[in-house]
Amino acid sequence: MEQQKSLNALYPFLTLSKSASSPRQAADIVSQATSASNVFIFAELLSTPAIQSLRSDAQFAPHYRLLEIFTWGTWTDYTCTLPPLPVPYPSPNQLANLHKAASQSLPPLSPAQTHKLKLLSLLTLASTASSSSDLTYANLTPALGLTTPKELEDLVTDAIYADLMQATLDPARGVVIVAAVAPLRDLAPGSVGDMIRELEAWAGRCEGVLAEMEGRVEGVKGEARRKGEWDALVEGQRERAEGKWGANVGAGGEGQGFGKGDAMDVDSVAVGGGGGGGGKRRWFGGRGKRD
């Protein structure tokens, strides 16, 4: 979705590039596109004939290089052309002067271009980090040309509100926790091989996980089979036991039981005291005999 929005925002500049009749006009298109707030994809513009012609122009070749950096580079790629930065880190005015000094190598950046390049650099760092431990405040702040944690938090917040990434700030641990990154960075030439190797490594890890899961599934199935066999054995033993018990009852019940006319031997104790009706009476086969 964000990719399509960025492409739609780029189309006016693609149209302008078709009518560019001079290197200066092409360079102006580069400046306008890299300053536009909703444009984050530049590969199509970079490949147009008007922009490609800047590569061989001595005066405006730096604009072509600048567009390359916006297409797949980072803030570090831009600042590597600057002279060594003084310590402590320069103030905004000093940094602007350094950018001006580097204008022979790359065009200076406007505030809008600076902010966008740092956003794009943040996307690259977030998408290429092997773990959240790489996205610490300590690592990100210098890589993005920032000086304080507050500046980093503001940049990440801007990226979140622009739907460029889904992330959470953890100031207590000094970590940026990234959940998703919009696919807005183009691939640099020669990076396909690296991507293939990364995908092959990822596929190998997936195969290892699948093999482990299959082993666990087979273990569960084996346990289920053993439980089923045990349940069947117990059920068989129960049925055999019930069968034997039923057979015994059926065979000996007639001769050993009591008929309806039979009476049990009981001791009857007279109630109410006195000797007239007292004593014990024992019953045998329906006939009473007084002791």
Protein backbone atom coordinates (compact mmCIF):
# COMPACT_ATOMS: atom_id res chain seq x y z
CA MET A 1 0.00 0.00 0.00
CA GLU A 2 2.72 2.49 0.98
CA GLN A 3 4.74 1.39 -2.03
CA GLN A 4 1.87 2.21 -4.39
CA LYS A 5 1.32 5.58 -2.70
CA SER A 6 4.97 6.43 -3.19
CA LEU A 7 4.86 5.34 -6.83
CA ASN A 8 1.80 7.50 -7.42
CA ALA A 9 3.63 10.47 -5.91
CA LEU A 10 6.62 9.77 -8.18
CA TYR A 11 4.66 9.77 -11.46
CA PRO A 12 4.62 13.59 -11.90
CA PHE A 13 8.41 13.62 -11.76
CA LEU A 14 8.59 10.77 -14.28
CA THR A 15 6.46 12.88 -16.60
CA LEU A 16 8.70 15.89 -16.08
CA SER A 17 11.80 13.83 -16.86
CA LYS A 18 10.40 12.98 -20.29
CA SER A 19 10.31 16.66 -21.21
CA ALA A 20 13.66 17.61 -19.66
CA SER A 21 15.81 19.11 -22.40
CA SER A 22 18.99 19.90 -20.47
CA PRO A 23 21.10 18.46 -17.64
CA ARG A 24 20.13 21.37 -15.42
CA GLN A 25 16.45 20.57 -15.82
CA ALA A 26 17.15 16.92 -15.00
CA ALA A 27 19.14 17.97 -11.92
CA ASP A 28 16.25 20.17 -10.81
CA ILE A 29 13.91 17.18 -11.10
CA VAL A 30 16.24 15.22 -8.82
CA SER A 31 16.13 18.00 -6.23
CA GLN A 32 12.34 18.26 -6.42
CA ALA A 33 11.72 14.52 -6.19
CA THR A 34 14.06 14.01 -3.26
CA SER A 35 12.40 16.90 -1.44
CA ALA A 36 8.80 15.76 -2.05
CA SER A 37 7.28 14.53 1.19
CA ASN A 38 5.46 11.45 -0.17
CA VAL A 39 8.12 10.11 -2.54
CA PHE A 40 10.25 7.31 -1.10
CA ILE A 41 10.92 5.19 -4.22
CA PHE A 42 13.26 6.51 -6.89
CA ALA A 43 14.42 3.57 -9.04
CA GLU A 44 12.08 4.36 -11.93
CA LEU A 45 13.19 7.98 -11.98
CA LEU A 46 16.84 6.95 -11.80
CA SER A 47 16.43 4.76 -14.88
CA THR A 48 14.92 7.46 -17.13
CA PRO A 49 17.10 8.66 -20.04
CA ALA A 50 17.17 12.26 -18.80
CA ILE A 51 18.53 11.26 -15.39
CA GLN A 52 20.91 8.69 -16.84
CA SER A 53 22.43 11.44 -18.97
CA LEU A 54 23.64 13.15 -15.79
CA ARG A 55 26.19 10.40 -15.21
CA SER A 56 28.43 11.75 -17.96
CA ASP A 57 27.89 15.44 -17.18
CA ALA A 58 30.80 16.90 -15.22
CA GLN A 59 28.72 19.59 -13.56
CA PHE A 60 25.62 17.62 -12.63
CA ALA A 61 26.97 14.11 -12.12
CA PRO A 62 26.78 14.67 -8.31
CA HIS A 63 23.01 14.97 -8.66
CA TYR A 64 22.91 11.52 -10.20
CA ARG A 65 24.99 10.18 -7.32
CA LEU A 66 22.66 11.91 -4.86
CA LEU A 67 19.63 10.24 -6.41
CA GLU A 68 21.42 6.90 -6.17
CA ILE A 69 21.87 7.44 -2.44
CA PHE A 70 18.18 8.28 -2.04
CA THR A 71 17.32 5.18 -4.06
CA TRP A 72 19.25 2.56 -2.09
CA GLY A 73 21.87 4.33 0.04
CA THR A 74 21.97 5.66 3.59
CA TRP A 75 22.97 8.74 5.51
CA THR A 76 26.43 7.25 5.96
CA ASP A 77 26.84 6.99 2.18
CA TYR A 78 26.16 10.71 1.93
CA THR A 79 28.34 11.84 4.83
CA CYS A 80 31.30 9.69 3.82
CA THR A 81 32.09 12.41 1.29
CA LEU A 82 32.30 15.04 4.03
CA PRO A 83 35.56 16.01 5.71
CA PRO A 84 36.20 14.46 9.13
CA LEU A 85 33.69 15.72 11.67
CA PRO A 86 35.11 17.60 14.65
CA VAL A 87 34.69 16.42 18.21
CA PRO A 88 32.37 17.20 19.88
CA TYR A 89 29.75 16.73 17.18
CA PRO A 90 29.22 19.98 15.24
CA SER A 91 26.27 22.26 15.79
CA PRO A 92 23.61 22.52 13.06
CA ASN A 93 25.29 25.64 11.67
CA GLN A 94 28.70 23.98 11.63
CA LEU A 95 27.23 20.90 9.99
CA ALA A 96 25.60 23.06 7.33
CA ASN A 97 29.00 24.58 6.60
CA LEU A 98 30.49 21.12 6.27
CA HIS A 99 27.75 20.18 3.83
CA LYS A 100 28.56 23.30 1.86
CA ALA A 101 32.23 22.33 1.81
CA ALA A 102 31.27 18.96 0.38
CA SER A 103 29.20 20.45 -2.42
CA GLN A 104 31.95 19.64 -4.90
CA SER A 105 31.24 15.96 -4.25
CA LEU A 106 27.50 15.94 -3.59
CA PRO A 107 24.84 18.65 -3.62
CA PRO A 108 23.98 20.04 -0.18
CA LEU A 109 20.75 18.83 1.34
CA SER A 110 17.79 20.95 2.28
CA PRO A 111 16.11 20.28 5.66
CA ALA A 112 13.40 18.28 3.86
CA GLN A 113 15.98 16.17 2.01
CA THR A 114 17.98 15.65 5.20
CA HIS A 115 14.93 14.43 7.08
CA LYS A 116 13.87 12.12 4.25
CA LEU A 117 17.31 10.58 3.83
CA LYS A 118 17.46 9.87 7.55
CA LEU A 119 14.01 8.24 7.38
CA LEU A 120 15.11 6.09 4.45
CA SER A 121 18.32 5.21 6.28
CA LEU A 122 16.29 4.18 9.32
CA LEU A 123 14.24 1.83 7.12
CA THR A 124 17.40 0.25 5.76
CA LEU A 125 18.93 -0.22 9.21
CA ALA A 126 15.69 -1.66 10.57
CA SER A 127 15.18 -4.09 7.69
CA THR A 128 18.76 -5.37 7.65
CA ALA A 129 19.26 -5.74 11.41
CA SER A 130 19.79 -9.36 12.41
CA SER A 131 18.21 -8.81 15.83
CA SER A 132 16.74 -6.09 18.02
CA SER A 133 20.07 -5.83 19.81
CA ASP A 134 21.42 -4.10 16.68
CA LEU A 135 18.76 -1.38 16.89
CA THR A 136 20.00 0.28 20.03
CA TYR A 137 20.00 3.99 20.59
CA ALA A 138 23.79 3.84 20.77
CA ASN A 139 24.04 2.26 17.30
CA LEU A 140 21.29 4.18 15.53
CA THR A 141 22.06 7.69 16.75
CA PRO A 142 25.48 8.10 15.06
CA ALA A 143 24.46 6.04 12.01
CA LEU A 144 21.65 8.50 11.33
CA GLY A 145 23.67 11.63 12.01
CA LEU A 146 21.78 12.38 15.23
CA THR A 147 23.18 13.69 18.48
CA THR A 148 20.65 12.87 21.21
CA PRO A 149 18.21 10.06 22.05
CA LYS A 150 15.39 12.59 21.76
CA GLU A 151 16.26 13.22 18.11
CA LEU A 152 16.20 9.48 17.44
CA GLU A 153 12.85 9.06 19.16
CA ASP A 154 11.41 11.94 17.14
CA LEU A 155 12.67 10.38 13.89
CA VAL A 156 11.24 6.95 14.75
CA THR A 157 7.94 8.57 15.72
CA ASP A 158 7.81 10.40 12.37
CA ALA A 159 8.45 7.10 10.56
CA ILE A 160 5.65 5.41 12.49
CA TYR A 161 3.11 8.16 11.82
CA ALA A 162 4.09 8.16 8.13
CA ASP A 163 3.32 4.40 8.00
CA LEU A 164 6.90 3.67 7.05
CA MET A 165 7.35 1.18 9.88
CA GLN A 166 5.71 -0.38 12.90
CA ALA A 167 7.91 -0.02 15.93
CA THR A 168 8.00 0.57 19.66
CA LEU A 169 10.44 2.72 21.58
CA ASP A 170 11.98 1.31 24.74
CA PRO A 171 13.86 4.22 26.34
CA ALA A 172 14.56 2.22 29.51
CA ARG A 173 16.67 -0.29 27.58
CA GLY A 174 17.65 2.14 24.84
CA VAL A 175 16.26 -0.08 22.08
CA VAL A 176 13.94 0.39 19.10
CA ILE A 177 11.73 -2.69 18.72
CA VAL A 178 10.67 -3.02 15.06
CA ALA A 179 7.68 -5.16 14.07
CA ALA A 180 7.44 -4.33 10.34
CA VAL A 181 9.08 -2.12 7.72
CA ALA A 182 7.39 -0.81 4.57
CA PRO A 183 9.05 -2.16 1.38
CA LEU A 184 10.19 1.24 0.14
CA ARG A 185 13.91 0.71 -0.41
CA ASP A 186 15.18 -0.26 -3.84
CA LEU A 187 17.88 -2.84 -4.41
CA ALA A 188 21.37 -1.63 -5.16
CA PRO A 189 23.19 -3.16 -8.15
CA GLY A 190 24.93 -6.36 -7.12
CA SER A 191 22.75 -6.86 -4.06
CA VAL A 192 20.70 -9.66 -5.63
CA GLY A 193 23.46 -12.17 -4.95
CA ASP A 194 23.55 -11.19 -1.30
CA MET A 195 19.78 -11.46 -1.13
CA ILE A 196 19.89 -14.94 -2.68
CA ARG A 197 22.43 -16.04 -0.09
CA GLU A 198 20.29 -14.63 2.70
CA LEU A 199 17.22 -16.40 1.32
CA GLU A 200 19.14 -19.67 1.03
CA ALA A 201 20.28 -19.33 4.63
CA TRP A 202 16.71 -18.57 5.67
CA ALA A 203 15.45 -21.59 3.72
CA GLY A 204 18.03 -23.75 5.50
CA ARG A 205 16.82 -22.52 8.88
CA CYS A 206 13.22 -23.21 7.84
CA GLU A 207 14.12 -26.76 6.81
CA GLY A 208 15.79 -27.32 10.16
CA VAL A 209 12.72 -26.07 12.01
CA LEU A 210 10.42 -28.22 9.85
CA ALA A 211 12.57 -31.29 10.49
CA GLU A 212 12.42 -30.66 14.22
CA MET A 213 8.66 -30.18 14.08
CA GLU A 214 8.21 -33.38 12.06
CA GLY A 215 10.27 -35.24 14.64
CA ARG A 216 8.07 -33.93 17.41
CA VAL A 217 4.92 -34.83 15.46
CA GLU A 218 6.18 -38.38 14.97
CA GLY A 219 6.94 -38.57 18.68
CA VAL A 220 3.41 -37.49 19.51
CA LYS A 221 2.00 -40.00 17.03
CA GLY A 222 4.11 -42.77 18.55
CA GLU A 223 2.95 -41.84 22.02
CA ALA A 224 -0.65 -41.86 20.79
CA ARG A 225 -0.17 -45.31 19.25
CA ARG A 226 1.32 -46.66 22.45
CA LYS A 227 -1.53 -45.18 24.46
CA GLY A 228 -4.06 -46.69 22.05
CA GLU A 229 -2.43 -50.11 22.35
CA TRP A 230 -2.44 -49.82 26.13
CA ASP A 231 -6.09 -48.77 26.18
CA ALA A 232 -6.97 -51.70 23.92
CA LEU A 233 -5.08 -54.09 26.20
CA VAL A 234 -6.85 -52.76 29.29
CA GLU A 235 -10.23 -52.96 27.56
CA GLY A 236 -9.54 -56.54 26.48
CA GLN A 237 -8.59 -57.54 30.01
CA ARG A 238 -11.73 -55.88 31.34
CA GLU A 239 -13.97 -57.65 28.85
CA ARG A 240 -12.37 -61.02 29.60
CA ALA A 241 -12.76 -60.45 33.31
CA GLU A 242 -16.41 -59.51 32.89
CA GLY A 243 -16.97 -62.57 30.71
CA LYS A 244 -15.53 -64.93 33.32
CA TRP A 245 -17.53 -63.30 36.11
CA GLY A 246 -20.74 -63.57 34.12
CA ALA A 247 -20.06 -67.22 33.33
CA ASN A 248 -19.48 -68.06 36.99
CA VAL A 249 -22.66 -66.34 38.07
CA GLY A 250 -24.69 -68.07 35.36
CA ALA A 251 -23.35 -71.51 36.24
CA GLY A 252 -23.75 -71.46 40.03
CA GLY A 253 -26.58 -69.03 40.64
CA GLU A 254 -29.51 -71.57 40.64
CA GLY A 255 -28.11 -74.02 43.19
CA GLN A 256 -26.50 -71.60 45.50
CA GLY A 257 -29.06 -68.82 45.68
CA PHE A 258 -32.18 -68.52 47.77
CA GLY A 259 -35.63 -69.14 46.46
CA LYS A 260 -38.64 -66.99 47.11
CA GLY A 261 -39.86 -69.36 49.81
CA ASP A 262 -36.62 -69.56 51.59
CA ALA A 263 -35.94 -67.50 54.65
CA MET A 264 -32.68 -66.43 56.04
CA ASP A 265 -31.56 -67.50 59.44
CA VAL A 266 -32.12 -64.56 61.73
CA ASP A 267 -32.11 -63.96 65.38
CA SER A 268 -35.18 -62.18 66.50
CA VAL A 269 -35.11 -60.36 69.78
CA ALA A 270 -38.38 -59.61 71.46
CA VAL A 271 -39.12 -55.98 71.95
CA GLY A 272 -40.79 -54.58 75.00
CA GLY A 273 -39.24 -56.71 77.74
CA GLY A 274 -40.92 -59.45 79.76
CA GLY A 275 -40.52 -63.10 79.36
CA GLY A 276 -43.81 -64.01 77.76
CA GLY A 277 -42.88 -63.47 74.22
CA GLY A 278 -39.19 -63.09 74.77
CA GLY A 279 -36.44 -65.32 73.79
CA LYS A 280 -34.82 -66.07 70.47
CA ARG A 281 -36.59 -67.63 67.56
CA ARG A 282 -34.51 -69.24 64.80
CA TRP A 283 -36.14 -69.90 61.47
CA PHE A 284 -35.24 -72.81 59.24
CA GLY A 285 -36.86 -73.27 55.90
CA GLY A 286 -39.97 -71.36 56.84
CA ARG A 287 -40.53 -73.29 60.15
CA GLY A 288 -39.90 -71.63 63.44
CA LYS A 289 -38.40 -73.22 66.48
CA ARG A 290 -38.26 -71.49 69.80
CA ASP A 291 -35.10 -71.94 71.77
